[in-house]
């Protein structure tokens, strides 16, 4: 069989040694690398991505990035706020207030975590949510991971300040971004985590990002993200939540990327009474393709999984929403609801909203709604008759359409950040015509 990657096991071993990784982690890399050619790419309905360069990686090497690529917003982080700023493989800023340190909170880059907390990382890394041999992309990620973060919040700890992360893909040089975030919320803990993903430079690189969130009994994780990878970047983004009894994850995700992307967002409601709310807003412009596959699997009884996705397409772009609600046998009293809506502002745009319910149990609640439509011409006429330009009128209509999702996001700072990012992307998309 022809090798998929022009990389050798020795190169991967050299990268492991450079970062002083424990033996079990180095062995996991090698085992995953050996499986890549035997595994298939994952299938996402109506998302044709298999010709994309999702595997066009070079050998892993340690690359330093210039701190001048740090986002301007990162300069405004407060001294009493927990935060991290990573540019490529380089952590340029990291702050954890003394109160959180005293409570046992861990916030550090993934390689430091492997050296200082190897047993804790080994318990969860690619063990609970995402498995190395799940498919070709997860094996690729496991073998070649080159940056990341570890966040651990102990039992009964409540962090009031949001934990903010900026991750910048350094595309000022040839450097793939293979990034892993591991978040563990112990029993009865609660915190907010906001991550910002973006690109500096225009080199053609790939991004392969895996995020694992393990929410233990009665924990509550507010997970927000603004994804804004650049036009030259081909991205695979896998976010997965594992929820135990009475745990809750509130996902608020903004897909504001400029390049082609597959988004795989899953919540496994394993424990009784667990609850996941997934809210996604997306904008596709130019000729880009965004495929977003959002799944909630109800395993535990009385578990609740809700999906709300709204997206807008301009110019010749494509946006696909897949929403999957799966209630397994034994999940009595479960609730699976979803809404997927796409608004097209161009006759050459392509959109899909595909809801799917799989129900293997009685005594449950389930429902879905989906629509793909064009902008209301009467709304546009009314706004333009009041003296607004077509571009401004379009932006107002889009704001109203996406506002149904934005208003459901409880954190006002996340709402404002997403609103600002949406406005920037719309203006950039309109000026590119």
Protein backbone atom coordinates (compact mmCIF):
# COMPACT_ATOMS: atom_id res chain seq x y z
CA UNK A 1 0.00 0.00 0.00
CA UNK A 2 1.28 3.45 -0.91
CA UNK A 3 2.24 5.56 2.08
CA UNK A 4 -0.04 8.55 2.63
CA UNK A 5 2.68 10.73 4.20
CA UNK A 6 6.32 11.27 3.31
CA UNK A 7 7.30 11.06 6.97
CA UNK A 8 9.32 8.41 8.82
CA UNK A 9 8.84 6.97 12.32
CA UNK A 10 12.33 8.22 13.14
CA UNK A 11 11.29 11.83 12.47
CA UNK A 12 8.32 11.47 14.81
CA UNK A 13 10.55 9.90 17.47
CA UNK A 14 13.01 12.78 17.16
CA UNK A 15 10.19 15.30 17.74
CA UNK A 16 9.06 13.34 20.83
CA UNK A 17 12.58 13.31 22.25
CA UNK A 18 12.96 17.03 21.64
CA UNK A 19 9.92 17.69 23.84
CA UNK A 20 10.94 15.09 26.44
CA UNK A 21 7.62 13.31 26.09
CA UNK A 22 6.93 10.32 28.39
CA UNK A 23 7.33 6.88 26.85
CA UNK A 24 3.59 6.16 26.74
CA UNK A 25 2.96 9.31 24.71
CA UNK A 26 5.78 8.60 22.25
CA UNK A 27 4.42 5.06 21.82
CA UNK A 28 0.92 6.44 21.18
CA UNK A 29 2.32 8.63 18.41
CA UNK A 30 4.06 5.71 16.73
CA UNK A 31 1.03 3.42 17.00
CA UNK A 32 -1.21 6.06 15.45
CA UNK A 33 1.28 6.77 12.67
CA UNK A 34 1.39 3.06 11.78
CA UNK A 35 -2.41 3.01 11.45
CA UNK A 36 -2.91 6.04 9.19
CA UNK A 37 -2.85 4.08 5.94
CA UNK A 38 -5.23 1.41 7.28
CA UNK A 39 -7.91 3.86 8.37
CA UNK A 40 -10.52 5.65 6.26
CA UNK A 41 -11.30 9.36 6.20
CA UNK A 42 -14.45 10.14 8.18
CA UNK A 43 -17.70 10.54 6.24
CA UNK A 44 -19.79 13.69 6.64
CA UNK A 45 -23.01 13.67 4.65
CA UNK A 46 -23.09 16.10 1.69
CA UNK A 47 -19.60 17.43 2.52
CA UNK A 48 -17.22 16.46 -0.26
CA UNK A 49 -13.79 17.21 1.16
CA UNK A 50 -11.68 14.17 0.28
CA UNK A 51 -9.76 16.00 -2.44
CA UNK A 52 -8.72 18.72 0.02
CA UNK A 53 -5.11 18.76 1.29
CA UNK A 54 -6.07 17.61 4.81
CA UNK A 55 -3.05 15.31 5.00
CA UNK A 56 -0.39 17.32 3.18
CA UNK A 57 1.95 17.47 6.16
CA UNK A 58 5.72 17.59 6.43
CA UNK A 59 7.80 15.99 9.17
CA UNK A 60 7.18 17.50 12.63
CA UNK A 61 9.81 20.04 13.56
CA UNK A 62 10.14 22.62 16.32
CA UNK A 63 9.41 26.06 14.87
CA UNK A 64 9.71 29.37 16.69
CA UNK A 65 7.20 32.09 15.92
CA UNK A 66 7.59 35.85 16.20
CA UNK A 67 5.72 37.37 19.16
CA UNK A 68 4.85 40.36 16.93
CA UNK A 69 2.13 38.14 15.43
CA UNK A 70 0.19 38.36 18.70
CA UNK A 71 -3.38 39.63 18.13
CA UNK A 72 -4.05 43.18 19.25
CA UNK A 73 -6.93 42.05 21.46
CA UNK A 74 -4.54 39.88 23.46
CA UNK A 75 -2.72 42.99 24.68
CA UNK A 76 -5.83 44.02 26.65
CA UNK A 77 -5.95 40.93 28.88
CA UNK A 78 -6.15 41.80 32.58
CA UNK A 79 -3.54 40.78 35.14
CA UNK A 80 -6.17 39.08 37.33
CA UNK A 81 -7.59 37.11 34.41
CA UNK A 82 -6.54 33.56 33.43
CA UNK A 83 -5.32 33.52 29.83
CA UNK A 84 -2.93 32.00 27.32
CA UNK A 85 -1.60 33.24 23.98
CA UNK A 86 0.05 30.76 21.64
CA UNK A 87 1.52 31.61 18.23
CA UNK A 88 2.20 28.45 16.29
CA UNK A 89 4.13 26.21 18.68
CA UNK A 90 5.26 29.10 20.88
CA UNK A 91 3.49 30.14 24.09
CA UNK A 92 4.13 33.88 24.31
CA UNK A 93 1.85 34.72 27.26
CA UNK A 94 0.29 32.65 30.03
CA UNK A 95 -1.29 33.83 33.24
CA UNK A 96 -3.05 31.96 36.03
CA UNK A 97 -4.00 34.05 39.07
CA UNK A 98 -2.61 32.91 42.42
CA UNK A 99 -6.09 32.11 43.75
CA UNK A 100 -6.63 29.55 40.98
CA UNK A 101 -3.15 28.07 41.48
CA UNK A 102 -3.91 27.62 45.20
CA UNK A 103 -7.14 25.82 44.28
CA UNK A 104 -5.22 23.33 42.15
CA UNK A 105 -6.21 24.65 38.72
CA UNK A 106 -3.78 23.72 35.95
CA UNK A 107 -3.41 25.90 32.85
CA UNK A 108 -0.36 25.16 30.74
CA UNK A 109 0.81 24.19 27.27
CA UNK A 110 0.41 20.52 26.40
CA UNK A 111 4.13 19.67 26.43
CA UNK A 112 4.66 21.16 29.89
CA UNK A 113 1.62 19.21 31.07
CA UNK A 114 3.15 15.99 29.73
CA UNK A 115 6.32 16.64 31.76
CA UNK A 116 4.75 17.96 34.99
CA UNK A 117 1.39 16.09 35.08
CA UNK A 118 1.95 12.96 32.96
CA UNK A 119 -0.39 10.67 34.92
CA UNK A 120 -3.24 13.16 34.75
CA UNK A 121 -2.81 13.74 31.03
CA UNK A 122 -2.48 10.00 30.34
CA UNK A 123 -5.84 9.36 32.04
CA UNK A 124 -7.73 11.56 29.57
CA UNK A 125 -5.70 12.35 26.44
CA UNK A 126 -7.43 10.62 23.47
CA UNK A 127 -8.92 8.09 25.91
CA UNK A 128 -12.45 9.30 26.64
CA UNK A 129 -13.83 11.48 23.84
CA UNK A 130 -11.74 11.06 20.69
CA UNK A 131 -9.77 7.85 20.05
CA UNK A 132 -6.53 7.75 18.02
CA UNK A 133 -7.82 4.98 15.76
CA UNK A 134 -11.25 6.52 15.20
CA UNK A 135 -10.39 7.48 11.61
CA UNK A 136 -7.50 8.65 9.46
CA UNK A 137 -7.70 12.27 10.61
CA UNK A 138 -7.61 11.43 14.32
CA UNK A 139 -4.67 9.06 13.78
CA UNK A 140 -2.89 11.77 11.80
CA UNK A 141 -3.53 14.22 14.63
CA UNK A 142 -2.26 11.83 17.31
CA UNK A 143 0.95 11.09 15.43
CA UNK A 144 1.85 14.66 14.49
CA UNK A 145 0.39 16.93 17.19
CA UNK A 146 2.75 19.90 17.59
CA UNK A 147 1.00 22.36 19.95
CA UNK A 148 -1.80 22.60 22.46
CA UNK A 149 -3.17 23.36 25.90
CA UNK A 150 -4.14 21.48 29.07
CA UNK A 151 -6.79 22.91 31.39
CA UNK A 152 -7.73 21.09 34.59
CA UNK A 153 -10.26 22.43 37.09
CA UNK A 154 -10.48 20.44 40.36
CA UNK A 155 -13.56 19.30 42.24
CA UNK A 156 -15.86 22.04 43.63
CA UNK A 157 -13.81 24.88 42.09
CA UNK A 158 -15.73 27.76 40.53
CA UNK A 159 -13.72 30.20 38.40
CA UNK A 160 -15.55 33.50 37.97
CA UNK A 161 -13.23 35.14 35.44
CA UNK A 162 -13.42 33.64 31.93
CA UNK A 163 -10.36 31.70 30.81
CA UNK A 164 -9.34 33.24 27.48
CA UNK A 165 -7.13 31.59 24.88
CA UNK A 166 -5.71 33.02 21.65
CA UNK A 167 -4.28 30.47 19.21
CA UNK A 168 -2.61 31.92 16.13
CA UNK A 169 -1.63 29.67 13.26
CA UNK A 170 1.72 30.98 12.01
CA UNK A 171 1.35 30.98 8.23
CA UNK A 172 4.17 33.43 7.70
CA UNK A 173 6.20 30.26 7.11
CA UNK A 174 5.47 26.70 5.97
CA UNK A 175 4.14 25.22 9.23
CA UNK A 176 1.14 23.00 9.73
CA UNK A 177 -0.93 23.69 12.84
CA UNK A 178 -1.77 20.39 14.56
CA UNK A 179 -3.24 21.55 17.82
CA UNK A 180 -4.77 19.73 20.80
CA UNK A 181 -6.81 21.20 23.65
CA UNK A 182 -7.65 18.98 26.63
CA UNK A 183 -10.15 20.35 29.17
CA UNK A 184 -11.10 18.41 32.30
CA UNK A 185 -13.85 19.67 34.61
CA UNK A 186 -14.00 17.70 37.84
CA UNK A 187 -17.17 17.17 39.90
CA UNK A 188 -19.19 20.30 40.78
CA UNK A 189 -16.75 22.65 39.04
CA UNK A 190 -17.85 25.56 36.87
CA UNK A 191 -15.99 27.91 34.54
CA UNK A 192 -16.07 29.71 31.20
CA UNK A 193 -13.49 29.08 28.48
CA UNK A 194 -13.22 31.23 25.35
CA UNK A 195 -10.86 30.34 22.52
CA UNK A 196 -9.96 32.43 19.49
CA UNK A 197 -8.48 30.64 16.46
CA UNK A 198 -6.92 32.75 13.73
CA UNK A 199 -4.17 32.90 11.11
CA UNK A 200 -1.22 35.24 10.54
CA UNK A 201 0.33 35.15 7.06
CA UNK A 202 -0.76 33.62 3.77
CA UNK A 203 1.34 30.46 3.36
CA UNK A 204 -0.76 27.48 2.31
CA UNK A 205 -0.84 25.31 5.42
CA UNK A 206 -3.30 22.94 7.02
CA UNK A 207 -4.88 23.09 10.46
CA UNK A 208 -5.92 19.95 12.33
CA UNK A 209 -7.44 20.85 15.70
CA UNK A 210 -8.91 18.44 18.25
CA UNK A 211 -10.61 19.71 21.42
CA UNK A 212 -11.63 17.30 24.18
CA UNK A 213 -13.90 18.44 27.01
CA UNK A 214 -14.55 15.97 29.83
CA UNK A 215 -17.35 17.25 32.08
CA UNK A 216 -17.67 15.16 35.22
CA UNK A 217 -20.67 14.86 37.55
CA UNK A 218 -22.60 18.09 38.08
CA UNK A 219 -19.94 20.25 36.41
CA UNK A 220 -20.83 23.16 34.14
CA UNK A 221 -18.58 24.28 31.28
CA UNK A 222 -19.33 27.38 29.22
CA UNK A 223 -17.32 26.81 26.05
CA UNK A 224 -17.16 29.61 23.48
CA UNK A 225 -15.08 29.89 20.32
CA UNK A 226 -14.52 32.34 17.50
CA UNK A 227 -12.95 30.47 14.59
CA UNK A 228 -11.31 32.75 12.02
CA UNK A 229 -8.68 30.77 10.12
CA UNK A 230 -7.34 32.48 6.99
CA UNK A 231 -8.16 31.97 3.32
CA UNK A 232 -5.00 29.95 2.63
CA UNK A 233 -5.74 27.41 5.38
CA UNK A 234 -7.52 24.07 4.96
CA UNK A 235 -8.96 23.11 8.34
CA UNK A 236 -10.27 20.06 10.16
CA UNK A 237 -11.74 21.09 13.51
CA UNK A 238 -13.03 18.41 15.88
CA UNK A 239 -14.65 19.45 19.17
CA UNK A 240 -15.99 16.68 21.38
CA UNK A 241 -17.69 16.76 24.76
CA UNK A 242 -18.14 13.83 27.16
CA UNK A 243 -20.76 14.58 29.79
CA UNK A 244 -21.29 12.56 32.95
CA UNK A 245 -24.25 12.60 35.34
CA UNK A 246 -25.96 16.04 35.58
CA UNK A 247 -23.04 17.70 33.77
CA UNK A 248 -23.67 20.54 31.34
CA UNK A 249 -21.75 22.08 28.44
CA UNK A 250 -22.96 25.24 26.74
CA UNK A 251 -21.28 25.48 23.33
CA UNK A 252 -21.29 28.86 21.56
CA UNK A 253 -19.34 28.53 18.30
CA UNK A 254 -18.75 31.13 15.59
CA UNK A 255 -17.51 29.69 12.26
CA UNK A 256 -16.02 32.87 10.76
CA UNK A 257 -13.25 31.20 8.73
CA UNK A 258 -12.15 32.40 5.29
CA UNK A 259 -10.79 29.09 3.97
CA UNK A 260 -12.26 25.62 3.50
CA UNK A 261 -13.16 23.86 6.74
CA UNK A 262 -14.76 20.74 8.15
CA UNK A 263 -16.26 21.31 11.59
CA UNK A 264 -17.09 18.17 13.60
CA UNK A 265 -18.87 19.17 16.82
CA UNK A 266 -20.13 16.32 19.03
CA UNK A 267 -21.57 15.95 22.52
CA UNK A 268 -21.87 12.51 24.12
CA UNK A 269 -24.50 12.69 26.88
CA UNK A 270 -23.34 9.65 28.81
CA UNK A 271 -24.66 10.43 32.28
CA UNK A 272 -28.23 10.65 33.48
CA UNK A 273 -29.51 14.21 33.41
CA UNK A 274 -26.57 15.52 31.37
CA UNK A 275 -27.29 18.53 29.17
CA UNK A 276 -25.61 20.04 26.07
CA UNK A 277 -26.70 23.24 24.34
CA UNK A 278 -24.90 23.76 21.01
CA UNK A 279 -25.30 27.12 19.27
CA UNK A 280 -23.46 27.73 15.98
CA UNK A 281 -23.35 30.79 13.72
CA UNK A 282 -21.48 30.64 10.40
CA UNK A 283 -20.75 32.91 7.45
CA UNK A 284 -19.31 31.67 4.13
CA UNK A 285 -17.96 34.12 1.56
CA UNK A 286 -15.98 34.13 -1.69
CA UNK A 287 -15.50 30.61 -3.01
CA UNK A 288 -14.96 28.94 0.34
CA UNK A 289 -16.62 25.73 1.49
CA UNK A 290 -17.65 25.23 5.11
CA UNK A 291 -19.12 21.93 6.21
CA UNK A 292 -20.34 21.72 9.80
CA UNK A 293 -21.45 18.41 11.26
CA UNK A 294 -23.02 18.78 14.71
CA UNK A 295 -24.11 15.72 16.65
CA UNK A 296 -25.67 15.09 20.06
CA UNK A 297 -25.88 11.50 21.29
CA UNK A 298 -28.26 10.84 24.19
CA UNK A 299 -26.96 7.83 26.13
CA UNK A 300 -28.09 8.59 29.66
CA UNK A 301 -31.73 8.78 30.77
CA UNK A 302 -33.27 12.27 31.03
CA UNK A 303 -30.35 13.70 29.05
CA UNK A 304 -30.99 16.86 27.01
CA UNK A 305 -29.29 17.75 23.71
CA UNK A 306 -30.26 20.85 21.75
CA UNK A 307 -28.70 22.15 18.49
CA UNK A 308 -29.31 25.64 17.05
CA UNK A 309 -27.43 26.54 13.84
CA UNK A 310 -27.86 29.60 11.64
CA UNK A 311 -25.62 30.38 8.67
CA UNK A 312 -25.28 32.95 5.89
CA UNK A 313 -23.75 32.48 2.43
CA UNK A 314 -22.51 35.24 0.12
CA UNK A 315 -21.01 35.19 -3.39
CA UNK A 316 -20.01 31.71 -4.69
CA UNK A 317 -19.52 30.10 -1.27
CA UNK A 318 -20.95 26.87 0.12
CA UNK A 319 -22.23 26.12 3.61
CA UNK A 320 -23.56 22.78 4.82
CA UNK A 321 -25.14 22.17 8.20
CA UNK A 322 -25.63 18.57 9.28
CA UNK A 323 -27.52 18.18 12.54
CA UNK A 324 -27.73 14.71 14.08
CA UNK A 325 -29.68 13.85 17.20
CA UNK A 326 -29.32 10.23 18.30
CA UNK A 327 -31.24 8.80 21.26
CA UNK A 328 -29.85 5.39 22.19
CA UNK A 329 -31.73 2.50 23.73
CA UNK A 330 -32.01 3.03 27.47
CA UNK A 331 -32.08 6.86 27.32
CA UNK A 332 -35.62 7.11 28.69
CA UNK A 333 -36.94 10.62 29.12
CA UNK A 334 -34.28 12.02 26.79
CA UNK A 335 -34.83 15.22 24.80
CA UNK A 336 -33.21 15.89 21.39
CA UNK A 337 -34.16 19.07 19.52
CA UNK A 338 -32.48 20.88 16.63
CA UNK A 339 -32.90 23.82 14.27
CA UNK A 340 -30.72 24.35 11.17
CA UNK A 341 -31.31 27.40 8.96
CA UNK A 342 -29.29 28.80 6.06
CA UNK A 343 -29.75 32.18 4.36
CA UNK A 344 -28.32 32.70 0.86
CA UNK A 345 -27.59 36.19 -0.45
CA UNK A 346 -26.39 35.17 -3.90
CA UNK A 347 -27.86 33.16 -6.76
CA UNK A 348 -24.54 31.32 -7.07
CA UNK A 349 -24.35 30.38 -3.39
CA UNK A 350 -24.92 26.80 -2.31
CA UNK A 351 -26.45 25.80 1.00
CA UNK A 352 -27.71 22.68 2.75
CA UNK A 353 -29.46 22.16 6.08
CA UNK A 354 -29.77 18.48 6.86
CA UNK A 355 -31.50 17.43 10.09
CA UNK A 356 -31.43 13.80 11.16
CA UNK A 357 -33.08 12.14 14.14
CA UNK A 358 -32.21 8.57 15.15
CA UNK A 359 -34.43 7.30 17.96
CA UNK A 360 -33.95 3.87 19.52
CA UNK A 361 -36.06 4.42 22.65
CA UNK A 362 -39.68 5.15 23.60
CA UNK A 363 -40.79 7.81 26.08
CA UNK A 364 -38.59 10.57 24.63
CA UNK A 365 -38.99 14.02 23.10
CA UNK A 366 -37.44 14.85 19.73
CA UNK A 367 -37.96 17.37 16.96
CA UNK A 368 -36.22 19.27 14.21
CA UNK A 369 -36.60 22.25 11.89
CA UNK A 370 -34.59 23.13 8.79
CA UNK A 371 -34.70 25.71 6.02
CA UNK A 372 -32.57 27.02 3.16
CA UNK A 373 -33.77 30.25 1.60
CA UNK A 374 -32.85 33.53 -0.02
CA UNK A 375 -32.98 37.00 1.45
CA UNK A 376 -36.42 38.59 1.67
CA UNK A 377 -36.57 41.03 -1.24
CA UNK A 378 -39.28 43.05 0.49
CA UNK A 379 -37.03 43.56 3.50
CA UNK A 380 -34.21 44.70 1.22
CA UNK A 381 -36.54 47.03 -0.73
CA UNK A 382 -37.87 48.57 2.48
CA UNK A 383 -34.39 49.25 3.87
CA UNK A 384 -33.00 50.60 0.59
CA UNK A 385 -36.06 52.85 0.15
CA UNK A 386 -34.99 54.50 3.41
CA UNK A 387 -31.71 55.54 1.83
CA UNK A 388 -29.50 52.63 2.84
CA UNK A 389 -27.04 51.16 0.36
CA UNK A 390 -27.52 47.55 -0.74
CA UNK A 391 -24.45 46.49 1.26
CA UNK A 392 -25.66 48.09 4.50
CA UNK A 393 -29.18 46.72 3.98
CA UNK A 394 -27.76 43.24 3.49
CA UNK A 395 -25.77 43.49 6.70
CA UNK A 396 -28.85 44.54 8.66
CA UNK A 397 -30.85 41.60 7.31
CA UNK A 398 -28.00 39.22 8.18
CA UNK A 399 -27.67 40.64 11.68
CA UNK A 400 -31.37 40.02 12.25
CA UNK A 401 -31.11 36.46 10.97
CA UNK A 402 -28.08 35.56 13.07
CA UNK A 403 -29.41 37.48 16.05
CA UNK A 404 -31.74 34.60 16.85
CA UNK A 405 -28.68 32.55 17.77
CA UNK A 406 -26.53 35.35 19.20
CA UNK A 407 -29.28 36.34 21.64
CA UNK A 408 -29.19 32.80 23.04
CA UNK A 409 -25.52 33.12 24.04
CA UNK A 410 -25.54 34.10 27.74
CA UNK A 411 -22.10 35.75 27.92
CA UNK A 412 -22.37 39.35 26.69
CA UNK A 413 -18.63 39.58 25.95
CA UNK A 414 -18.79 36.52 23.68
CA UNK A 415 -21.90 37.95 21.99
CA UNK A 416 -20.12 41.23 21.32
CA UNK A 417 -16.96 39.55 20.06
CA UNK A 418 -18.95 37.37 17.68
CA UNK A 419 -20.96 40.38 16.51
CA UNK A 420 -17.77 42.33 15.76
CA UNK A 421 -16.25 39.35 13.91
CA UNK A 422 -19.44 38.90 11.85
CA UNK A 423 -19.39 42.57 10.86
CA UNK A 424 -15.73 42.33 9.81
CA UNK A 425 -16.32 39.21 7.73
CA UNK A 426 -19.37 40.70 6.01
CA UNK A 427 -17.56 43.90 5.12
CA UNK A 428 -14.55 41.97 3.82
CA UNK A 429 -16.82 39.69 1.79
CA UNK A 430 -18.72 42.58 0.25
CA UNK A 431 -15.55 44.54 -0.61
CA UNK A 432 -14.10 41.46 -2.37
CA UNK A 433 -16.80 41.54 -5.05
